């Protein structure tokens, strides 16, 4: 699920104004504002452009349903986290998939949805 709070937090982390982000993506400032307010959701192509403009992968602009999605929360998280290498991301993804499989084996749990593999750095 697209996270308006994460988009705003990453934009601010890089010191971009909504107008700067709009210029970097070819969108207008009203559209950026709508995404950050949560009144509109970007399509896949636009999400890719937004992610590229703030130097993250598109999936980093997603949050699970019910997650704290405030701009302040994600601003703190983004500022505190050092960038991860591709190998670190792969290692974390492997552990999370293993946990997901274990949880799915418990009675009453829905089976996990198949996730695409996390690419490794060359």
C-alpha atoms as a PDB file:
ATOM      1  CA  UNK A   1       0.000   0.000   0.000  1.00  0.00           C
ATOM      2  CA  UNK A   2       1.415   3.403  -1.031  1.00  0.00           C
ATOM      3  CA  UNK A   3       2.580   5.496   1.939  1.00  0.00           C
ATOM      4  CA  UNK A   4       2.012   9.256   1.655  1.00  0.00           C
ATOM      5  CA  UNK A   5       4.012   9.756   4.856  1.00  0.00           C
ATOM      6  CA  UNK A   6       7.041   7.947   3.488  1.00  0.00           C
ATOM      7  CA  UNK A   7       7.000   9.980   0.278  1.00  0.00           C
ATOM      8  CA  UNK A   8       6.899  13.241   2.227  1.00  0.00           C
ATOM      9  CA  UNK A   9       9.588  12.050   4.654  1.00  0.00           C
ATOM     10  CA  UNK A  10      11.983  11.003   1.897  1.00  0.00           C
ATOM     11  CA  UNK A  11      11.329  14.263   0.039  1.00  0.00           C
ATOM     12  CA  UNK A  12      12.206  16.255   3.156  1.00  0.00           C
ATOM     13  CA  UNK A  13      15.200  14.039   3.939  1.00  0.00           C
ATOM     14  CA  UNK A  14      16.741  15.124   0.637  1.00  0.00           C
ATOM     15  CA  UNK A  15      15.804  18.753   1.292  1.00  0.00           C
ATOM     16  CA  UNK A  16      13.374  18.916  -1.607  1.00  0.00           C
ATOM     17  CA  UNK A  17      10.334  21.139  -1.628  1.00  0.00           C
ATOM     18  CA  UNK A  18       7.160  19.835  -3.263  1.00  0.00           C
ATOM     19  CA  UNK A  19       8.031  22.064  -6.244  1.00  0.00           C
ATOM     20  CA  UNK A  20      11.514  20.530  -6.489  1.00  0.00           C
ATOM     21  CA  UNK A  21      10.088  17.011  -6.409  1.00  0.00           C
ATOM     22  CA  UNK A  22       7.528  18.002  -9.022  1.00  0.00           C
ATOM     23  CA  UNK A  23      10.272  19.316 -11.298  1.00  0.00           C
ATOM     24  CA  UNK A  24      12.399  16.179 -10.793  1.00  0.00           C
ATOM     25  CA  UNK A  25       9.473  13.916 -11.733  1.00  0.00           C
ATOM     26  CA  UNK A  26       7.708  15.975 -14.390  1.00  0.00           C
ATOM     27  CA  UNK A  27       4.583  16.195 -12.230  1.00  0.00           C
ATOM     28  CA  UNK A  28       2.873  19.335 -11.001  1.00  0.00           C
ATOM     29  CA  UNK A  29       2.948  20.483  -7.364  1.00  0.00           C
ATOM     30  CA  UNK A  30      -0.791  19.841  -6.913  1.00  0.00           C
ATOM     31  CA  UNK A  31      -0.240  16.204  -7.815  1.00  0.00           C
ATOM     32  CA  UNK A  32       2.670  15.904  -5.375  1.00  0.00           C
ATOM     33  CA  UNK A  33       0.503  17.492  -2.667  1.00  0.00           C
ATOM     34  CA  UNK A  34      -2.327  15.041  -3.399  1.00  0.00           C
ATOM     35  CA  UNK A  35       0.045  12.075  -3.084  1.00  0.00           C
ATOM     36  CA  UNK A  36       1.490  13.368   0.185  1.00  0.00           C
ATOM     37  CA  UNK A  37      -1.969  14.092   1.610  1.00  0.00           C
ATOM     38  CA  UNK A  38      -3.178  10.637   0.621  1.00  0.00           C
ATOM     39  CA  UNK A  39      -6.014  11.968  -1.522  1.00  0.00           C
ATOM     40  CA  UNK A  40      -4.457  10.375  -4.635  1.00  0.00           C
ATOM     41  CA  UNK A  41      -2.310   7.314  -5.263  1.00  0.00           C
ATOM     42  CA  UNK A  42       0.382   7.188  -7.953  1.00  0.00           C
ATOM     43  CA  UNK A  43       0.222   4.520 -10.641  1.00  0.00           C
ATOM     44  CA  UNK A  44       3.188   2.150 -11.052  1.00  0.00           C
ATOM     45  CA  UNK A  45       5.065   4.320 -13.561  1.00  0.00           C
ATOM     46  CA  UNK A  46       4.638   7.459 -11.468  1.00  0.00           C
ATOM     47  CA  UNK A  47       5.642   5.586  -8.323  1.00  0.00           C
ATOM     48  CA  UNK A  48       8.863   4.547 -10.052  1.00  0.00           C
ATOM     49  CA  UNK A  49       9.574   8.162 -11.042  1.00  0.00           C
ATOM     50  CA  UNK A  50       8.866   9.383  -7.492  1.00  0.00           C
ATOM     51  CA  UNK A  51      11.119   6.723  -5.971  1.00  0.00           C
ATOM     52  CA  UNK A  52      13.926   7.548  -8.389  1.00  0.00           C
ATOM     53  CA  UNK A  53      13.646  11.237  -7.576  1.00  0.00           C
ATOM     54  CA  UNK A  54      14.177  10.568  -3.853  1.00  0.00           C
ATOM     55  CA  UNK A  55      16.795   7.859  -4.475  1.00  0.00           C
ATOM     56  CA  UNK A  56      14.858   4.865  -3.096  1.00  0.00           C
ATOM     57  CA  UNK A  57      13.334   1.722  -4.576  1.00  0.00           C
ATOM     58  CA  UNK A  58       9.588   1.956  -5.317  1.00  0.00           C
ATOM     59  CA  UNK A  59       8.748  -0.613  -2.624  1.00  0.00           C
ATOM     60  CA  UNK A  60      10.280   1.717  -0.036  1.00  0.00           C
ATOM     61  CA  UNK A  61       7.273   3.980  -0.619  1.00  0.00           C
ATOM     62  CA  UNK A  62       4.901   1.259   0.629  1.00  0.00           C
ATOM     63  CA  UNK A  63       3.661   0.575   4.150  1.00  0.00           C
ATOM     64  CA  UNK A  64       1.573  -2.310   5.484  1.00  0.00           C
ATOM     65  CA  UNK A  65      -2.111  -1.586   6.176  1.00  0.00           C
ATOM     66  CA  UNK A  66      -2.594  -0.081   9.624  1.00  0.00           C
ATOM     67  CA  UNK A  67       1.029   1.059   9.961  1.00  0.00           C
ATOM     68  CA  UNK A  68       1.854   4.436  11.462  1.00  0.00           C
ATOM     69  CA  UNK A  69       1.983   6.470   8.273  1.00  0.00           C
ATOM     70  CA  UNK A  70       2.610   9.935   9.634  1.00  0.00           C
ATOM     71  CA  UNK A  71       5.183  12.134   7.980  1.00  0.00           C
ATOM     72  CA  UNK A  72       6.820  12.830  11.339  1.00  0.00           C
ATOM     73  CA  UNK A  73       7.234   9.108  12.107  1.00  0.00           C
ATOM     74  CA  UNK A  74       8.754   8.269   8.733  1.00  0.00           C
ATOM     75  CA  UNK A  75      10.901  11.381   8.805  1.00  0.00           C
ATOM     76  CA  UNK A  76      12.535  10.097  11.975  1.00  0.00           C
ATOM     77  CA  UNK A  77      12.925   6.587  10.569  1.00  0.00           C
ATOM     78  CA  UNK A  78      14.448   7.814   7.295  1.00  0.00           C
ATOM     79  CA  UNK A  79      16.865  10.137   9.059  1.00  0.00           C
ATOM     80  CA  UNK A  80      18.002   7.459  11.512  1.00  0.00           C
ATOM     81  CA  UNK A  81      18.553   4.615   9.053  1.00  0.00           C
ATOM     82  CA  UNK A  82      21.839   4.406   7.208  1.00  0.00           C
ATOM     83  CA  UNK A  83      21.567   3.187   3.628  1.00  0.00           C
ATOM     84  CA  UNK A  84      21.689  -0.595   3.309  1.00  0.00           C
ATOM     85  CA  UNK A  85      23.805  -2.412   0.774  1.00  0.00           C
ATOM     86  CA  UNK A  86      22.138  -4.794  -1.658  1.00  0.00           C
ATOM     87  CA  UNK A  87      23.630  -7.736   0.267  1.00  0.00           C
ATOM     88  CA  UNK A  88      22.173  -6.454   3.551  1.00  0.00           C
ATOM     89  CA  UNK A  89      18.757  -6.010   1.962  1.00  0.00           C
ATOM     90  CA  UNK A  90      18.956  -9.535   0.524  1.00  0.00           C
ATOM     91  CA  UNK A  91      19.872 -10.963   3.949  1.00  0.00           C
ATOM     92  CA  UNK A  92      16.981  -9.212   5.687  1.00  0.00           C
ATOM     93  CA  UNK A  93      14.550 -10.280   2.949  1.00  0.00           C
ATOM     94  CA  UNK A  94      15.683 -13.909   3.318  1.00  0.00           C
ATOM     95  CA  UNK A  95      15.025 -13.847   7.061  1.00  0.00           C
ATOM     96  CA  UNK A  96      11.636 -12.187   6.625  1.00  0.00           C
ATOM     97  CA  UNK A  97      10.568 -14.767   4.021  1.00  0.00           C
ATOM     98  CA  UNK A  98      11.576 -17.558   6.425  1.00  0.00           C
ATOM     99  CA  UNK A  99       9.526 -15.964   9.217  1.00  0.00           C
ATOM    100  CA  UNK A 100       6.601 -15.537   6.824  1.00  0.00           C
ATOM    101  CA  UNK A 101       6.707 -19.256   5.905  1.00  0.00           C
ATOM    102  CA  UNK A 102       6.831 -20.264   9.580  1.00  0.00           C
ATOM    103  CA  UNK A 103       3.838 -18.074  10.401  1.00  0.00           C
ATOM    104  CA  UNK A 104       1.913 -19.504   7.448  1.00  0.00           C
ATOM    105  CA  UNK A 105       2.357 -23.017   8.804  1.00  0.00           C
ATOM    106  CA  UNK A 106       0.449 -22.170  11.973  1.00  0.00           C
ATOM    107  CA  UNK A 107      -3.225 -23.185  12.031  1.00  0.00           C
ATOM    108  CA  UNK A 108      -5.660 -20.442  11.111  1.00  0.00           C
ATOM    109  CA  UNK A 109      -3.079 -18.459   9.174  1.00  0.00           C
ATOM    110  CA  UNK A 110      -3.545 -17.460   5.561  1.00  0.00           C
ATOM    111  CA  UNK A 111      -0.851 -18.801   3.237  1.00  0.00           C
ATOM    112  CA  UNK A 112       1.808 -16.231   2.334  1.00  0.00           C
ATOM    113  CA  UNK A 113       1.546 -14.426  -0.951  1.00  0.00           C
ATOM    114  CA  UNK A 114       4.386 -15.180  -3.313  1.00  0.00           C
ATOM    115  CA  UNK A 115       6.880 -12.311  -3.380  1.00  0.00           C
ATOM    116  CA  UNK A 116       9.352 -11.716  -6.164  1.00  0.00           C
ATOM    117  CA  UNK A 117      12.959 -12.521  -5.233  1.00  0.00           C
ATOM    118  CA  UNK A 118      15.100  -9.668  -4.016  1.00  0.00           C
ATOM    119  CA  UNK A 119      17.825  -9.022  -6.595  1.00  0.00           C
ATOM    120  CA  UNK A 120      21.398  -9.344  -5.439  1.00  0.00           C
ATOM    121  CA  UNK A 121      24.096  -6.865  -6.310  1.00  0.00           C
ATOM    122  CA  UNK A 122      26.353  -7.925  -9.149  1.00  0.00           C
END
